[in-house]
Amino acid sequence: RGGGGSRPTGKARAYRYQMRKTKSMLGSAAIIVLEPSFNSVGGYSSQWVREVRDLMDHEAEVGRRHGVEWELYFEGMAPILTDLKESMYASAPYYMFGAVVSMVLALTAVSFQSLTMGIRLLVTVAFSLAWVFGIMVVLLQDIRIPGAQGDGLNFIVPIMIVPVLVGLTLDYDLFLLVRIHEYRLQGFSTQDATMAAMYRTSGIITVAGLIMLAAFSALITSELFVLRTIGILVASTCILDTFLVRAWLVPALLMIGVEWNWWPGKVPPVTRRCRVNDESSGSSSL
């Protein structure tokens, strides 16, 4: 109280106001507001939540040893998101991995009558995912593009975007492999079938990849950083798969096994060859 009067000063009123917000009327419960210097719902939130909960358990044990039976609760967006993330990552990645592997192997076995083609497709998927997520680590944690806080991807992004990236990678690769298989069934060797299929499909696959790139690049301009990272991931996958994986990695993997790519299926013997006309004609034919 100020000057010995009965009216409380401004500081006293502010103190009472804060106490009413943080303490119950009977004084049996209180609220402690924690405001960390970092983003409490960012990449470091899980470690911070675990440390706070460990400290609370320790203090509750100390109180019980001194005869004080108190209960401590940790509420807010940070613990809610941490619990959600731990629940999702406890099962979702394994289900996604199992679904992708089983579906790729089953569908390629039915389509190509081959047990090895699915493995080669899974290698290209792993290659693309490793590269695009590696690029995101560099952009978000090393370069720190505008909006990045150095704590990596939001936990929801991989769960949302990995199925889309797998679909993009398999889409163009299967388009090429189907044409290679068609030429192989026509009697061309695997090497010639690969060259012919790349010659025939390179233009349309490149255009399709550029269309997807243009469509998803719009997300990069979003003010929501989560959508921006999704846009970068999809755009990076389109570029990588269109100009590197489809053009170089898929043919290279096919050249490792050559005719073993179609095992245990049956393919006709090699009866046809690709031939290239002389340069004066400026054309090639099958």
Protein backbone atom coordinates (compact mmCIF):
# COMPACT_ATOMS: atom_id res chain seq x y z
CA ARG A 1 0.00 0.00 0.00
CA GLY A 2 1.27 3.48 -0.81
CA GLY A 3 1.78 6.26 1.76
CA GLY A 4 0.13 4.32 4.61
CA GLY A 5 -3.28 4.66 2.96
CA SER A 6 -5.82 1.93 2.44
CA ARG A 7 -5.66 1.89 -1.37
CA PRO A 8 -3.15 -0.47 -3.01
CA THR A 9 -0.54 0.98 -5.32
CA GLY A 10 -0.28 0.10 -8.99
CA LYS A 11 2.40 -2.49 -8.29
CA ALA A 12 0.28 -4.11 -5.62
CA ARG A 13 -2.72 -4.29 -7.93
CA ALA A 14 -0.58 -5.81 -10.66
CA TYR A 15 0.77 -8.36 -8.18
CA ARG A 16 -2.74 -9.30 -7.07
CA TYR A 17 -3.87 -9.60 -10.67
CA GLN A 18 -1.02 -11.95 -11.50
CA MET A 19 -1.60 -14.01 -8.37
CA ARG A 20 -5.27 -14.40 -9.22
CA LYS A 21 -4.30 -15.73 -12.65
CA THR A 22 -1.71 -18.20 -11.37
CA LYS A 23 -3.14 -19.33 -7.99
CA SER A 24 -6.49 -20.80 -7.06
CA MET A 25 -8.82 -18.97 -4.65
CA LEU A 26 -8.17 -21.52 -1.88
CA GLY A 27 -4.43 -21.52 -2.50
CA SER A 28 -4.36 -25.27 -3.19
CA ALA A 29 -3.18 -25.03 -6.79
CA ALA A 30 -0.87 -22.77 -8.79
CA ILE A 31 0.18 -22.29 -12.40
CA ILE A 32 3.79 -21.74 -13.44
CA VAL A 33 4.21 -20.29 -16.93
CA LEU A 34 7.36 -21.43 -18.76
CA GLU A 35 8.62 -19.27 -21.61
CA PRO A 36 11.80 -20.75 -23.16
CA SER A 37 14.06 -18.60 -25.30
CA PHE A 38 13.68 -20.99 -28.25
CA ASN A 39 10.64 -22.13 -30.23
CA SER A 40 8.79 -24.36 -27.79
CA VAL A 41 7.05 -26.25 -30.61
CA GLY A 42 10.09 -26.51 -32.90
CA GLY A 43 12.62 -29.26 -33.42
CA TYR A 44 14.03 -28.98 -29.89
CA SER A 45 10.67 -29.19 -28.15
CA SER A 46 10.76 -32.97 -27.58
CA GLN A 47 14.02 -32.85 -25.64
CA TRP A 48 12.81 -29.85 -23.65
CA VAL A 49 9.50 -31.56 -22.79
CA ARG A 50 11.32 -34.69 -21.62
CA GLU A 51 13.67 -32.64 -19.44
CA VAL A 52 10.76 -30.71 -17.87
CA ARG A 53 8.86 -33.92 -17.16
CA ASP A 54 11.95 -35.53 -15.61
CA LEU A 55 12.37 -32.45 -13.40
CA MET A 56 8.71 -32.59 -12.37
CA ASP A 57 8.99 -36.27 -11.45
CA HIS A 58 12.09 -35.50 -9.39
CA GLU A 59 10.40 -32.62 -7.54
CA ALA A 60 7.31 -34.71 -6.88
CA GLU A 61 9.51 -37.44 -5.37
CA VAL A 62 11.32 -34.87 -3.22
CA GLY A 63 7.97 -33.54 -2.01
CA ARG A 64 6.75 -37.03 -1.07
CA ARG A 65 9.92 -37.66 0.92
CA HIS A 66 9.16 -34.52 2.95
CA GLY A 67 5.51 -35.45 3.48
CA VAL A 68 4.12 -33.15 0.79
CA GLU A 69 1.69 -34.95 -1.52
CA TRP A 70 1.51 -32.71 -4.54
CA GLU A 71 0.68 -33.44 -8.15
CA LEU A 72 2.48 -31.70 -11.01
CA TYR A 73 1.07 -31.43 -14.53
CA PHE A 74 2.72 -30.13 -17.68
CA GLU A 75 0.21 -28.76 -20.17
CA GLY A 76 0.42 -26.69 -23.35
CA MET A 77 1.07 -27.01 -27.06
CA ALA A 78 4.63 -28.31 -26.65
CA PRO A 79 3.75 -31.45 -24.63
CA ILE A 80 0.68 -32.08 -26.78
CA LEU A 81 2.72 -32.00 -30.01
CA THR A 82 5.49 -34.05 -28.43
CA ASP A 83 3.06 -36.78 -27.41
CA LEU A 84 1.47 -36.67 -30.87
CA LYS A 85 4.85 -36.94 -32.58
CA GLU A 86 5.99 -39.85 -30.44
CA SER A 87 2.69 -41.64 -31.04
CA MET A 88 2.88 -41.13 -34.81
CA TYR A 89 6.53 -42.08 -35.18
CA ALA A 90 6.11 -45.16 -33.01
CA SER A 91 4.17 -46.90 -35.79
CA ALA A 92 3.62 -44.82 -38.94
CA PRO A 93 7.14 -45.16 -40.47
CA TYR A 94 7.05 -48.95 -40.14
CA TYR A 95 3.59 -49.21 -41.69
CA MET A 96 4.63 -46.91 -44.55
CA PHE A 97 7.84 -48.85 -45.16
CA GLY A 98 6.03 -52.19 -45.14
CA ALA A 99 3.28 -50.93 -47.44
CA VAL A 100 5.69 -49.46 -50.00
CA VAL A 101 7.99 -52.48 -50.09
CA SER A 102 5.21 -55.07 -50.26
CA MET A 103 3.19 -53.20 -52.90
CA VAL A 104 6.20 -52.49 -55.13
CA LEU A 105 7.41 -56.08 -55.00
CA ALA A 106 3.93 -57.52 -55.53
CA LEU A 107 2.93 -55.25 -58.40
CA THR A 108 6.24 -55.59 -60.26
CA ALA A 109 6.08 -59.36 -59.86
CA VAL A 110 2.64 -59.36 -61.45
CA SER A 111 3.39 -56.79 -64.17
CA PHE A 112 6.88 -57.88 -65.22
CA GLN A 113 6.91 -61.49 -63.91
CA SER A 114 10.16 -60.48 -62.21
CA LEU A 115 11.37 -60.67 -58.63
CA THR A 116 14.38 -58.43 -59.23
CA MET A 117 12.67 -55.46 -60.89
CA GLY A 118 10.93 -54.46 -57.67
CA ILE A 119 14.24 -54.37 -55.82
CA ARG A 120 15.68 -52.04 -58.45
CA LEU A 121 12.66 -49.76 -58.13
CA LEU A 122 13.08 -49.65 -54.36
CA VAL A 123 16.72 -48.62 -54.84
CA THR A 124 15.64 -45.65 -56.96
CA VAL A 125 13.03 -44.68 -54.36
CA ALA A 126 15.60 -44.81 -51.55
CA PHE A 127 18.05 -42.80 -53.66
CA SER A 128 15.52 -40.04 -54.35
CA LEU A 129 14.30 -39.81 -50.74
CA ALA A 130 17.84 -39.75 -49.35
CA TRP A 131 18.85 -36.94 -51.68
CA VAL A 132 15.82 -34.69 -51.23
CA PHE A 133 15.80 -34.98 -47.44
CA GLY A 134 19.56 -34.41 -47.42
CA ILE A 135 19.00 -31.24 -49.45
CA MET A 136 16.40 -30.10 -46.91
CA VAL A 137 18.84 -30.64 -44.04
CA VAL A 138 21.34 -28.37 -45.77
CA LEU A 139 18.71 -25.73 -46.55
CA LEU A 140 17.07 -25.68 -43.11
CA GLN A 141 19.99 -26.30 -40.77
CA ASP A 142 23.10 -25.09 -42.60
CA ILE A 143 22.01 -22.38 -45.05
CA ARG A 144 18.87 -21.53 -43.06
CA ILE A 145 16.57 -20.25 -45.76
CA PRO A 146 14.10 -17.50 -44.74
CA GLY A 147 11.77 -18.86 -42.07
CA ALA A 148 14.08 -21.67 -40.96
CA GLN A 149 15.15 -21.73 -37.32
CA GLY A 150 17.88 -24.33 -37.64
CA ASP A 151 15.85 -27.10 -36.00
CA GLY A 152 15.03 -29.13 -39.12
CA LEU A 153 11.72 -30.21 -40.62
CA ASN A 154 8.42 -30.00 -38.85
CA PHE A 155 7.59 -33.50 -37.63
CA ILE A 156 4.36 -33.65 -39.64
CA VAL A 157 6.07 -33.02 -43.00
CA PRO A 158 7.71 -36.47 -43.53
CA ILE A 159 4.51 -38.29 -42.59
CA MET A 160 2.51 -36.20 -45.06
CA ILE A 161 4.93 -35.97 -47.96
CA VAL A 162 6.79 -39.31 -48.14
CA PRO A 163 3.86 -41.15 -49.82
CA VAL A 164 3.63 -38.36 -52.40
CA LEU A 165 7.38 -38.47 -53.09
CA VAL A 166 7.31 -42.26 -53.43
CA GLY A 167 4.47 -41.97 -55.92
CA LEU A 168 6.31 -39.34 -57.96
CA THR A 169 9.48 -41.42 -58.07
CA LEU A 170 7.72 -44.63 -59.06
CA ASP A 171 5.50 -42.91 -61.62
CA TYR A 172 8.20 -41.83 -64.08
CA ASP A 173 10.42 -44.84 -63.43
CA LEU A 174 7.58 -47.26 -64.16
CA PHE A 175 6.66 -45.34 -67.29
CA LEU A 176 10.19 -45.98 -68.61
CA LEU A 177 10.38 -49.58 -67.40
CA VAL A 178 7.08 -50.51 -69.02
CA ARG A 179 8.38 -49.32 -72.38
CA ILE A 180 11.65 -51.17 -71.86
CA HIS A 181 9.71 -54.34 -71.09
CA GLU A 182 7.58 -53.90 -74.22
CA TYR A 183 10.65 -53.62 -76.43
CA ARG A 184 12.25 -56.60 -74.72
CA LEU A 185 9.17 -58.71 -75.47
CA GLN A 186 9.49 -57.66 -79.10
CA GLY A 187 12.86 -59.36 -79.29
CA PHE A 188 15.29 -56.55 -78.55
CA SER A 189 18.10 -57.11 -76.06
CA THR A 190 17.82 -55.38 -72.69
CA GLN A 191 20.50 -52.87 -73.71
CA ASP A 192 18.75 -52.02 -76.99
CA ALA A 193 15.33 -51.99 -75.34
CA THR A 194 16.63 -49.52 -72.74
CA MET A 195 18.07 -47.21 -75.39
CA ALA A 196 14.94 -47.38 -77.52
CA ALA A 197 12.62 -46.74 -74.57
CA MET A 198 14.65 -43.77 -73.39
CA TYR A 199 14.64 -42.36 -76.91
CA ARG A 200 10.88 -42.74 -77.22
CA THR A 201 9.85 -41.56 -73.73
CA SER A 202 12.46 -38.99 -72.76
CA GLY A 203 10.51 -36.06 -74.20
CA ILE A 204 7.12 -36.83 -72.67
CA ILE A 205 8.57 -37.75 -69.26
CA THR A 206 10.59 -34.55 -69.19
CA VAL A 207 7.51 -32.46 -70.04
CA ALA A 208 5.45 -34.27 -67.40
CA GLY A 209 8.17 -33.65 -64.81
CA LEU A 210 8.33 -29.95 -65.68
CA ILE A 211 4.54 -29.66 -65.38
CA MET A 212 4.64 -31.22 -61.91
CA LEU A 213 7.53 -28.93 -61.00
CA ALA A 214 5.62 -25.84 -62.08
CA ALA A 215 2.46 -26.95 -60.26
CA PHE A 216 4.07 -27.70 -56.90
CA SER A 217 6.53 -24.79 -57.02
CA ALA A 218 3.62 -22.51 -56.14
CA LEU A 219 3.78 -23.89 -52.60
CA ILE A 220 7.27 -22.41 -52.20
CA THR A 221 5.74 -18.93 -52.17
CA SER A 222 3.39 -19.76 -49.27
CA GLU A 223 3.66 -17.77 -46.07
CA LEU A 224 3.21 -21.00 -44.07
CA PHE A 225 6.68 -22.45 -43.63
CA VAL A 226 5.36 -26.02 -43.52
CA LEU A 227 3.80 -25.61 -46.97
CA ARG A 228 6.98 -23.97 -48.20
CA THR A 229 9.08 -26.96 -47.14
CA ILE A 230 6.59 -29.33 -48.77
CA GLY A 231 6.89 -27.34 -52.00
CA ILE A 232 10.69 -27.51 -51.89
CA LEU A 233 10.61 -31.26 -51.25
CA VAL A 234 8.24 -31.99 -54.14
CA ALA A 235 10.05 -29.64 -56.53
CA SER A 236 13.41 -31.19 -55.64
CA THR A 237 12.01 -34.67 -56.23
CA CYS A 238 10.62 -33.68 -59.64
CA ILE A 239 13.98 -32.25 -60.72
CA LEU A 240 15.99 -35.16 -59.35
CA ASP A 241 13.77 -37.88 -60.74
CA THR A 242 13.24 -36.27 -64.14
CA PHE A 243 16.84 -35.38 -64.93
CA LEU A 244 18.93 -37.79 -62.86
CA VAL A 245 17.14 -40.92 -61.65
CA ARG A 246 15.14 -41.63 -64.81
CA ALA A 247 17.91 -40.59 -67.18
CA TRP A 248 20.91 -42.16 -65.43
CA LEU A 249 20.18 -44.34 -62.41
CA VAL A 250 17.42 -46.54 -63.87
CA PRO A 251 19.40 -47.45 -67.03
CA ALA A 252 22.56 -47.99 -64.96
CA LEU A 253 20.79 -50.40 -62.62
CA LEU A 254 19.31 -52.29 -65.56
CA MET A 255 22.77 -52.77 -67.04
CA ILE A 256 23.97 -54.53 -63.87
CA GLY A 257 21.79 -57.59 -64.28
CA VAL A 258 20.93 -57.21 -68.00
CA GLU A 259 18.81 -60.32 -68.78
CA TRP A 260 18.55 -61.24 -65.08
CA ASN A 261 16.26 -58.22 -64.69
CA TRP A 262 13.38 -60.35 -65.96
CA TRP A 263 14.01 -63.41 -63.77
CA PRO A 264 12.14 -65.70 -63.24
CA GLY A 265 9.87 -64.55 -66.06
CA LYS A 266 10.31 -65.70 -69.63
CA VAL A 267 11.42 -63.28 -72.33
CA PRO A 268 11.95 -64.14 -76.00
CA PRO A 269 15.43 -64.59 -77.41
CA VAL A 270 17.14 -61.60 -78.96
CA THR A 271 16.09 -61.44 -82.60
CA ARG A 272 16.13 -57.71 -83.29
CA ARG A 273 18.66 -54.91 -82.89
CA CYS A 274 18.51 -51.16 -82.85
CA ARG A 275 20.16 -49.57 -85.83
CA VAL A 276 21.11 -45.98 -86.40
CA ASN A 277 21.01 -44.54 -89.88
CA ASP A 278 23.96 -42.58 -91.17
CA GLU A 279 24.37 -38.98 -90.06
CA SER A 280 23.34 -37.58 -93.43
CA SER A 281 19.81 -38.84 -92.95
CA GLY A 282 19.60 -37.39 -89.45
CA SER A 283 17.30 -40.12 -88.17
CA SER A 284 17.38 -43.41 -86.34
CA SER A 285 15.07 -46.40 -86.42
CA LEU A 286 14.34 -49.59 -84.59
